[in-house]
Amino acid sequence: MAKITKISIWKLHLKSHVPYYMAGGKTCLTVPSIILKIDTDEGICGWGEVCPIPHYLPAYADGVIPAIQEMAEVLIGADPIGPEALMKQLDKHLIGHVYAKSAIDIALWDLTAKAAGLPLYRLLGGLQTEKLPLYKSITCSAPETMAEIAKSAYAEGIRQFQVKLGSDNDWCRDVERMEAVRDAVGKGPLVFGDWNCGASQLDAVRAARALSSLDVMLEQPCATVESCNVVRQASGLPMKLDESVHDIPSLLRGHELGCMDAAALKLSKFGGISATRRARDLCLEIGTKMVIEDTWGSDITTSALMHLATATEQSAIMNVCNLADYVSPKLSSESYFVSQGTASVSHAPGLGVDPDLTVLGEPLLIIN
């Protein structure tokens, strides 16, 4: 039986290629990501990552390391194979802090799949969606600028476009943004406007009704699922929920209200692959389309979300996000491959990630 002997932790600053503007003055420029490596006495290691955005989740990167230190007394000496058993022990030891547990859970799944000599998707449901549809997230800026970004992504094969809204608190301008991108990509591609909870119910209803004749989708305009439901019912436009759905009860609430046409399943929001897989299975049962992704991050968490999506029924996948494409530095180049608007994971054991240690440098902390 394998035993965990060491946990190494890095703090990597990820820089957005362009300033990333969202509703309510929220901005992503440079965001710290926590990388960890779990080693065993059998010479197998697993990699994990979490990159929480403070204005998105009740989480922050500098809170991850103390949480891992607290959980280390359970982890060191434990059997890492079969992550869900060990994650249950961690839940008993430290309630909550799911964002910190997400990185651990990803690393444990990487370890387990490597021990089995299999790519991770084989343990999560098998190969079901080989070519994962990608979406392009467009920073909130002038409508004409956003239209040009959409055209460029369309030329690269992207057929799904997330239009960030609300940076200037002007719902009329947001309508212009949606109209500009819809016009830029023509009929057919999916265009969805994301306020990241930043709109009032009144402004969201006014914007949604102005857009109701267009083939567009709305994403999390308001802070509560109840307000999002009001917008959904007032406009008749399909709705994707993100911030409001973060566990099984919240998913059931969105389904009960009838405003969850799609749900964003983010690893750090649910607590890693194990918890997100349970959410995935629920969405399969209730017929909700899924966006399988994470809050932010580099190649490690990007590979993890893509493995879970690869193991998910194709008809249930709305899209995934190539998070690592939005930031630098690059950590690994062989874990997944992108072509014509789709991504495919490596068939190497585990996540297929081999991080560049010259980029990571020396660990910030080693626990053994």
Protein backbone atom coordinates (compact mmCIF):
# COMPACT_ATOMS: atom_id res chain seq x y z
CA MET A 1 0.00 0.00 0.00
CA ALA A 2 1.39 3.36 -1.04
CA LYS A 3 1.87 6.11 1.52
CA ILE A 4 2.14 9.88 1.10
CA THR A 5 5.61 10.99 2.18
CA LYS A 6 5.87 14.61 1.05
CA ILE A 7 3.81 17.59 -0.07
CA SER A 8 5.56 20.37 -2.02
CA ILE A 9 3.83 23.71 -2.60
CA TRP A 10 4.52 26.51 -5.07
CA LYS A 11 2.92 29.92 -5.55
CA LEU A 12 2.88 30.86 -9.22
CA HIS A 13 1.74 34.27 -10.45
CA LEU A 14 -0.34 33.91 -13.61
CA LYS A 15 -0.49 36.99 -15.82
CA SER A 16 -3.41 37.52 -18.18
CA HIS A 17 -2.36 38.13 -21.78
CA VAL A 18 -4.81 41.05 -21.85
CA PRO A 19 -6.56 42.83 -18.95
CA TYR A 20 -9.67 40.81 -18.14
CA TYR A 21 -12.59 43.06 -17.18
CA MET A 22 -15.84 41.88 -15.61
CA ALA A 23 -18.90 43.43 -13.96
CA GLY A 24 -18.64 45.65 -10.92
CA GLY A 25 -15.03 46.67 -11.46
CA LYS A 26 -13.74 43.11 -11.13
CA THR A 27 -10.48 42.63 -13.00
CA CYS A 28 -8.00 39.81 -13.55
CA LEU A 29 -4.48 40.99 -14.35
CA THR A 30 -2.04 38.91 -12.32
CA VAL A 31 -3.51 36.20 -10.10
CA PRO A 32 -1.59 33.85 -7.77
CA SER A 33 -2.12 30.14 -8.31
CA ILE A 34 -1.17 27.47 -5.77
CA ILE A 35 0.53 24.40 -7.23
CA LEU A 36 1.16 21.29 -5.19
CA LYS A 37 2.89 17.99 -5.69
CA ILE A 38 2.17 14.93 -3.57
CA ASP A 39 4.92 12.27 -3.42
CA THR A 40 4.63 8.67 -2.25
CA ASP A 41 7.04 6.05 -0.95
CA GLU A 42 6.54 4.14 -4.21
CA GLY A 43 8.03 6.94 -6.32
CA ILE A 44 4.72 8.08 -7.84
CA CYS A 45 3.72 11.73 -7.63
CA GLY A 46 0.52 13.65 -8.30
CA TRP A 47 0.07 17.30 -9.28
CA GLY A 48 -2.74 19.61 -8.24
CA GLU A 49 -3.60 23.28 -8.60
CA VAL A 50 -6.10 25.85 -7.43
CA CYS A 51 -6.32 29.46 -8.54
CA PRO A 52 -9.17 31.14 -6.64
CA ILE A 53 -10.18 34.66 -7.62
CA PRO A 54 -11.08 36.57 -4.43
CA HIS A 55 -13.96 38.47 -6.01
CA TYR A 56 -15.46 35.26 -7.42
CA LEU A 57 -15.36 32.75 -4.57
CA PRO A 58 -15.17 33.18 -0.79
CA ALA A 59 -11.56 32.08 -1.20
CA TYR A 60 -8.09 33.47 -1.73
CA ALA A 61 -4.77 31.97 -2.73
CA ASP A 62 -2.95 32.83 0.50
CA GLY A 63 -5.58 30.86 2.40
CA VAL A 64 -4.74 27.65 0.57
CA ILE A 65 -1.35 26.99 2.13
CA PRO A 66 -2.44 27.24 5.80
CA ALA A 67 -5.39 24.95 5.00
CA ILE A 68 -3.05 22.38 3.43
CA GLN A 69 -0.78 22.62 6.46
CA GLU A 70 -3.78 21.90 8.68
CA MET A 71 -4.74 18.87 6.57
CA ALA A 72 -1.17 17.59 6.28
CA GLU A 73 -1.43 15.59 9.51
CA VAL A 74 -4.12 13.51 7.82
CA LEU A 75 -2.36 13.36 4.46
CA ILE A 76 1.19 12.40 5.45
CA GLY A 77 1.35 8.62 5.82
CA ALA A 78 -2.09 8.10 4.25
CA ASP A 79 -2.87 5.88 1.27
CA PRO A 80 -3.52 8.24 -1.69
CA ILE A 81 -5.01 5.67 -4.05
CA GLY A 82 -8.77 6.11 -4.43
CA PRO A 83 -9.16 9.81 -3.61
CA GLU A 84 -12.73 9.84 -2.32
CA ALA A 85 -11.95 7.84 0.82
CA LEU A 86 -9.14 10.19 1.82
CA MET A 87 -11.18 13.28 0.91
CA LYS A 88 -13.89 12.12 3.32
CA GLN A 89 -11.28 12.01 6.08
CA LEU A 90 -10.20 15.54 5.20
CA ASP A 91 -13.81 16.73 5.34
CA LYS A 92 -14.09 15.39 8.88
CA HIS A 93 -10.79 16.97 9.89
CA LEU A 94 -11.46 20.41 8.37
CA ILE A 95 -15.00 21.48 7.50
CA GLY A 96 -15.34 23.62 4.38
CA HIS A 97 -12.37 25.19 2.59
CA VAL A 98 -13.35 23.32 -0.56
CA TYR A 99 -11.10 25.47 -2.75
CA ALA A 100 -8.01 24.29 -0.85
CA LYS A 101 -9.22 20.69 -0.98
CA SER A 102 -9.66 20.98 -4.74
CA ALA A 103 -5.91 21.07 -5.36
CA ILE A 104 -5.37 18.06 -3.10
CA ASP A 105 -8.15 16.08 -4.77
CA ILE A 106 -6.76 16.76 -8.25
CA ALA A 107 -3.31 15.57 -7.15
CA LEU A 108 -4.76 12.41 -5.61
CA TRP A 109 -6.61 11.57 -8.83
CA ASP A 110 -3.40 12.15 -10.81
CA LEU A 111 -1.62 9.76 -8.46
CA THR A 112 -4.35 7.13 -8.63
CA ALA A 113 -4.47 7.12 -12.42
CA LYS A 114 -0.66 6.93 -12.64
CA ALA A 115 -0.66 3.98 -10.24
CA ALA A 116 -3.18 2.28 -12.52
CA GLY A 117 -1.13 3.19 -15.60
CA LEU A 118 -4.18 4.85 -17.17
CA PRO A 119 -5.14 8.32 -18.37
CA LEU A 120 -7.40 9.90 -15.76
CA TYR A 121 -10.52 9.98 -17.93
CA ARG A 122 -10.52 6.16 -17.94
CA LEU A 123 -11.26 6.23 -14.19
CA LEU A 124 -13.97 8.88 -14.40
CA GLY A 125 -16.28 7.31 -16.97
CA GLY A 126 -14.14 6.35 -19.94
CA LEU A 127 -13.65 8.06 -23.28
CA GLN A 128 -16.99 9.68 -24.15
CA THR A 129 -16.14 13.10 -25.63
CA GLU A 130 -12.83 13.01 -27.44
CA LYS A 131 -13.09 16.50 -28.96
CA LEU A 132 -14.17 18.98 -26.31
CA PRO A 133 -15.86 22.18 -27.57
CA LEU A 134 -14.04 25.29 -26.37
CA TYR A 135 -15.49 28.74 -25.76
CA LYS A 136 -13.84 32.13 -26.01
CA SER A 137 -14.32 34.46 -23.05
CA ILE A 138 -14.23 38.09 -24.23
CA THR A 139 -13.13 40.77 -21.79
CA CYS A 140 -15.70 43.52 -21.24
CA SER A 141 -14.70 46.47 -23.40
CA ALA A 142 -16.10 48.55 -26.27
CA PRO A 143 -18.66 46.64 -28.41
CA GLU A 144 -16.58 47.01 -31.58
CA THR A 145 -13.47 45.70 -29.79
CA MET A 146 -15.36 42.69 -28.49
CA ALA A 147 -16.71 42.02 -31.97
CA GLU A 148 -13.18 41.96 -33.38
CA ILE A 149 -12.02 39.53 -30.68
CA ALA A 150 -14.98 37.29 -31.54
CA LYS A 151 -14.17 37.39 -35.27
CA SER A 152 -10.57 36.42 -34.57
CA ALA A 153 -11.61 33.50 -32.37
CA TYR A 154 -14.18 32.42 -34.96
CA ALA A 155 -11.41 32.25 -37.55
CA GLU A 156 -9.56 29.85 -35.23
CA GLY A 157 -12.56 27.51 -35.10
CA ILE A 158 -14.29 28.71 -31.92
CA ARG A 159 -18.08 28.51 -32.10
CA GLN A 160 -19.04 29.51 -28.56
CA PHE A 161 -18.53 33.00 -27.16
CA GLN A 162 -18.86 34.32 -23.63
CA VAL A 163 -19.44 38.08 -23.66
CA LYS A 164 -18.40 39.68 -20.37
CA LEU A 165 -20.82 42.44 -19.36
CA GLY A 166 -21.35 45.12 -16.74
CA SER A 167 -17.93 46.74 -16.39
CA ASP A 168 -19.44 50.23 -16.80
CA ASN A 169 -22.80 49.58 -15.09
CA ASP A 170 -24.69 50.54 -18.27
CA TRP A 171 -27.26 47.97 -19.36
CA CYS A 172 -27.82 49.72 -22.70
CA ARG A 173 -24.11 49.36 -23.45
CA ASP A 174 -24.32 45.70 -22.52
CA VAL A 175 -27.09 45.23 -25.06
CA GLU A 176 -24.80 46.80 -27.67
CA ARG A 177 -22.02 44.39 -26.72
CA MET A 178 -24.24 41.37 -27.17
CA GLU A 179 -25.62 42.65 -30.46
CA ALA A 180 -22.12 43.38 -31.77
CA VAL A 181 -20.78 39.90 -30.99
CA ARG A 182 -23.94 38.19 -32.26
CA ASP A 183 -23.61 40.08 -35.54
CA ALA A 184 -19.85 39.44 -35.76
CA VAL A 185 -20.11 35.64 -35.62
CA GLY A 186 -23.34 35.27 -37.61
CA LYS A 187 -26.10 32.73 -37.11
CA GLY A 188 -25.38 29.43 -35.44
CA PRO A 189 -22.59 29.95 -32.88
CA LEU A 190 -23.60 30.16 -29.22
CA VAL A 191 -23.31 33.65 -27.72
CA PHE A 192 -23.90 34.11 -24.00
CA GLY A 193 -23.62 37.25 -21.92
CA ASP A 194 -22.09 37.00 -18.43
CA TRP A 195 -22.63 39.61 -15.72
CA ASN A 196 -20.92 37.57 -12.97
CA CYS A 197 -23.71 38.57 -10.52
CA GLY A 198 -23.05 42.25 -11.28
CA ALA A 199 -26.46 43.41 -12.52
CA SER A 200 -29.47 44.49 -10.51
CA GLN A 201 -32.61 42.54 -11.22
CA LEU A 202 -34.19 45.62 -12.84
CA ASP A 203 -31.26 46.32 -15.18
CA ALA A 204 -30.91 42.64 -16.05
CA VAL A 205 -34.60 42.38 -16.95
CA ARG A 206 -34.42 45.51 -19.12
CA ALA A 207 -31.31 44.25 -20.92
CA ALA A 208 -32.70 40.75 -21.33
CA ARG A 209 -35.99 41.96 -22.76
CA ALA A 210 -34.11 44.18 -25.21
CA LEU A 211 -32.20 41.08 -26.33
CA SER A 212 -35.18 38.70 -26.33
CA SER A 213 -35.50 38.64 -30.12
CA LEU A 214 -31.89 37.49 -30.54
CA ASP A 215 -30.51 33.95 -30.39
CA VAL A 216 -28.46 34.52 -27.24
CA MET A 217 -28.10 33.05 -23.77
CA LEU A 218 -27.73 34.81 -20.42
CA GLU A 219 -25.29 33.88 -17.65
CA GLN A 220 -25.67 34.70 -13.96
CA PRO A 221 -26.92 38.29 -14.26
CA CYS A 222 -27.81 38.63 -10.57
CA ALA A 223 -26.40 37.46 -7.27
CA THR A 224 -29.21 35.03 -6.38
CA VAL A 225 -30.78 32.18 -8.26
CA GLU A 226 -34.20 33.67 -7.47
CA SER A 227 -33.36 36.95 -9.24
CA CYS A 228 -31.82 35.05 -12.14
CA ASN A 229 -35.09 33.15 -12.40
CA VAL A 230 -37.04 36.42 -12.64
CA VAL A 231 -34.81 37.50 -15.54
CA ARG A 232 -35.20 34.08 -17.19
CA GLN A 233 -38.96 34.21 -16.98
CA ALA A 234 -39.23 37.87 -18.06
CA SER A 235 -37.16 37.39 -21.20
CA GLY A 236 -37.69 33.78 -22.21
CA LEU A 237 -33.96 33.55 -22.91
CA PRO A 238 -32.06 30.45 -21.76
CA MET A 239 -29.98 30.86 -18.60
CA LYS A 240 -26.63 29.52 -17.46
CA LEU A 241 -26.00 29.58 -13.71
CA ASP A 242 -22.48 29.92 -12.36
CA GLU A 243 -21.83 31.55 -8.98
CA SER A 244 -25.23 30.45 -7.64
CA VAL A 245 -24.54 26.73 -8.12
CA HIS A 246 -21.70 25.36 -6.05
CA ASP A 247 -23.00 22.13 -4.49
CA ILE A 248 -25.78 19.55 -4.86
CA PRO A 249 -28.49 21.54 -3.00
CA SER A 250 -27.88 24.67 -5.08
CA LEU A 251 -28.01 22.67 -8.31
CA LEU A 252 -31.31 21.16 -7.21
CA ARG A 253 -32.64 24.65 -6.41
CA GLY A 254 -31.76 25.94 -9.87
CA HIS A 255 -33.44 22.93 -11.42
CA GLU A 256 -36.52 23.33 -9.21
CA LEU A 257 -36.99 26.95 -10.31
CA GLY A 258 -36.54 26.05 -13.97
CA CYS A 259 -33.85 28.65 -14.69
CA MET A 260 -30.83 26.36 -15.03
CA ASP A 261 -30.58 25.50 -18.72
CA ALA A 262 -26.84 25.12 -18.19
CA ALA A 263 -24.57 25.04 -15.14
CA ALA A 264 -20.92 25.95 -14.67
CA LEU A 265 -19.21 23.12 -12.80
CA LYS A 266 -15.90 24.54 -11.59
CA LEU A 267 -13.48 22.27 -9.76
CA SER A 268 -12.45 24.76 -7.07
CA LYS A 269 -16.06 25.80 -6.48
CA PHE A 270 -17.18 22.25 -5.70
CA GLY A 271 -13.99 20.97 -4.09
CA GLY A 272 -12.08 19.07 -6.75
CA ILE A 273 -12.73 16.28 -9.23
CA SER A 274 -14.49 13.99 -6.75
CA ALA A 275 -17.20 16.49 -5.79
CA THR A 276 -17.53 17.87 -9.32
CA ARG A 277 -18.01 14.36 -10.67
CA ARG A 278 -20.97 13.92 -8.33
CA ALA A 279 -22.39 17.23 -9.59
CA ARG A 280 -21.82 16.06 -13.15
CA ASP A 281 -23.78 12.87 -12.52
CA LEU A 282 -26.68 14.88 -11.08
CA CYS A 283 -26.73 17.16 -14.12
CA LEU A 284 -26.81 14.09 -16.35
CA GLU A 285 -29.88 12.85 -14.51
CA ILE A 286 -31.82 16.14 -14.56
CA GLY A 287 -30.85 17.07 -18.13
CA THR A 288 -28.80 20.21 -17.46
CA LYS A 289 -26.08 21.11 -19.95
CA MET A 290 -22.65 21.46 -18.37
CA VAL A 291 -19.72 23.79 -18.66
CA ILE A 292 -16.88 21.88 -17.01
CA GLU A 293 -14.09 24.27 -16.03
CA ASP A 294 -12.41 26.02 -13.10
CA THR A 295 -12.17 29.55 -11.78
CA TRP A 296 -8.72 30.26 -13.23
CA GLY A 297 -5.42 28.46 -13.53
CA SER A 298 -2.62 27.02 -15.64
CA ASP A 299 -2.12 23.68 -17.36
CA ILE A 300 -2.66 21.47 -14.30
CA THR A 301 -6.24 22.46 -13.49
CA THR A 302 -6.97 22.87 -17.22
CA SER A 303 -5.93 19.27 -17.81
CA ALA A 304 -7.97 18.09 -14.82
CA LEU A 305 -11.21 19.69 -16.00
CA MET A 306 -10.67 18.37 -19.52
CA HIS A 307 -10.25 14.80 -18.26
CA LEU A 308 -13.55 15.03 -16.39
CA ALA A 309 -15.25 16.46 -19.47
CA THR A 310 -13.71 13.77 -21.69
CA ALA A 311 -15.36 11.18 -19.44
CA THR A 312 -18.77 12.85 -19.77
CA GLU A 313 -21.50 12.11 -22.30
CA GLN A 314 -20.99 14.35 -25.33
CA SER A 315 -24.60 15.50 -25.56
CA ALA A 316 -24.42 16.86 -22.00
CA ILE A 317 -21.32 19.02 -22.56
CA MET A 318 -21.95 22.63 -23.54
CA ASN A 319 -18.27 23.57 -23.50
CA VAL A 320 -15.00 23.65 -21.58
CA CYS A 321 -12.49 26.43 -21.07
CA ASN A 322 -8.82 26.34 -22.02
CA LEU A 323 -7.83 28.39 -18.98
CA ALA A 324 -4.11 28.11 -19.61
CA ASP A 325 -4.55 29.85 -22.96
CA TYR A 326 -5.47 33.10 -21.21
CA VAL A 327 -2.37 33.34 -19.00
CA SER A 328 1.37 32.91 -18.81
CA PRO A 329 3.71 31.27 -17.97
CA LYS A 330 3.12 27.92 -19.65
CA LEU A 331 3.75 24.95 -17.35
CA SER A 332 3.25 21.95 -19.63
CA SER A 333 2.73 21.49 -23.35
CA GLU A 334 1.86 17.81 -23.71
CA SER A 335 -1.18 17.25 -21.49
CA TYR A 336 -3.84 18.40 -23.98
CA PHE A 337 -4.02 19.55 -27.57
CA VAL A 338 -6.10 22.26 -29.25
CA SER A 339 -7.30 22.28 -32.84
CA GLN A 340 -10.11 24.13 -34.65
CA GLY A 341 -12.05 25.14 -31.58
CA THR A 342 -11.77 21.84 -29.73
CA ALA A 343 -9.41 20.30 -27.18
CA SER A 344 -8.34 16.69 -26.61
CA VAL A 345 -6.46 15.31 -23.64
CA SER A 346 -3.30 13.26 -23.69
CA HIS A 347 -3.58 9.50 -23.31
CA ALA A 348 -0.56 9.42 -20.97
CA PRO A 349 -1.12 8.09 -17.44
CA GLY A 350 -2.74 10.45 -14.95
CA LEU A 351 -3.28 14.03 -16.01
CA GLY A 352 -0.46 13.74 -18.53
CA VAL A 353 1.09 16.83 -16.93
CA ASP A 354 4.85 17.16 -16.53
CA PRO A 355 5.33 20.70 -15.16
CA ASP A 356 8.41 22.66 -16.17
CA LEU A 357 10.39 22.93 -12.94
CA THR A 358 12.49 25.74 -14.37
CA VAL A 359 9.28 27.79 -14.49
CA LEU A 360 8.12 26.75 -11.03
CA GLY A 361 11.47 27.20 -9.32
CA GLU A 362 12.01 26.04 -5.76
CA PRO A 363 8.97 25.10 -3.66
CA LEU A 364 7.66 27.73 -1.31
CA LEU A 365 7.01 25.04 1.30
CA ILE A 366 7.75 21.34 1.77
CA ILE A 367 5.80 19.25 4.26
CA ASN A 368 7.00 15.76 5.20
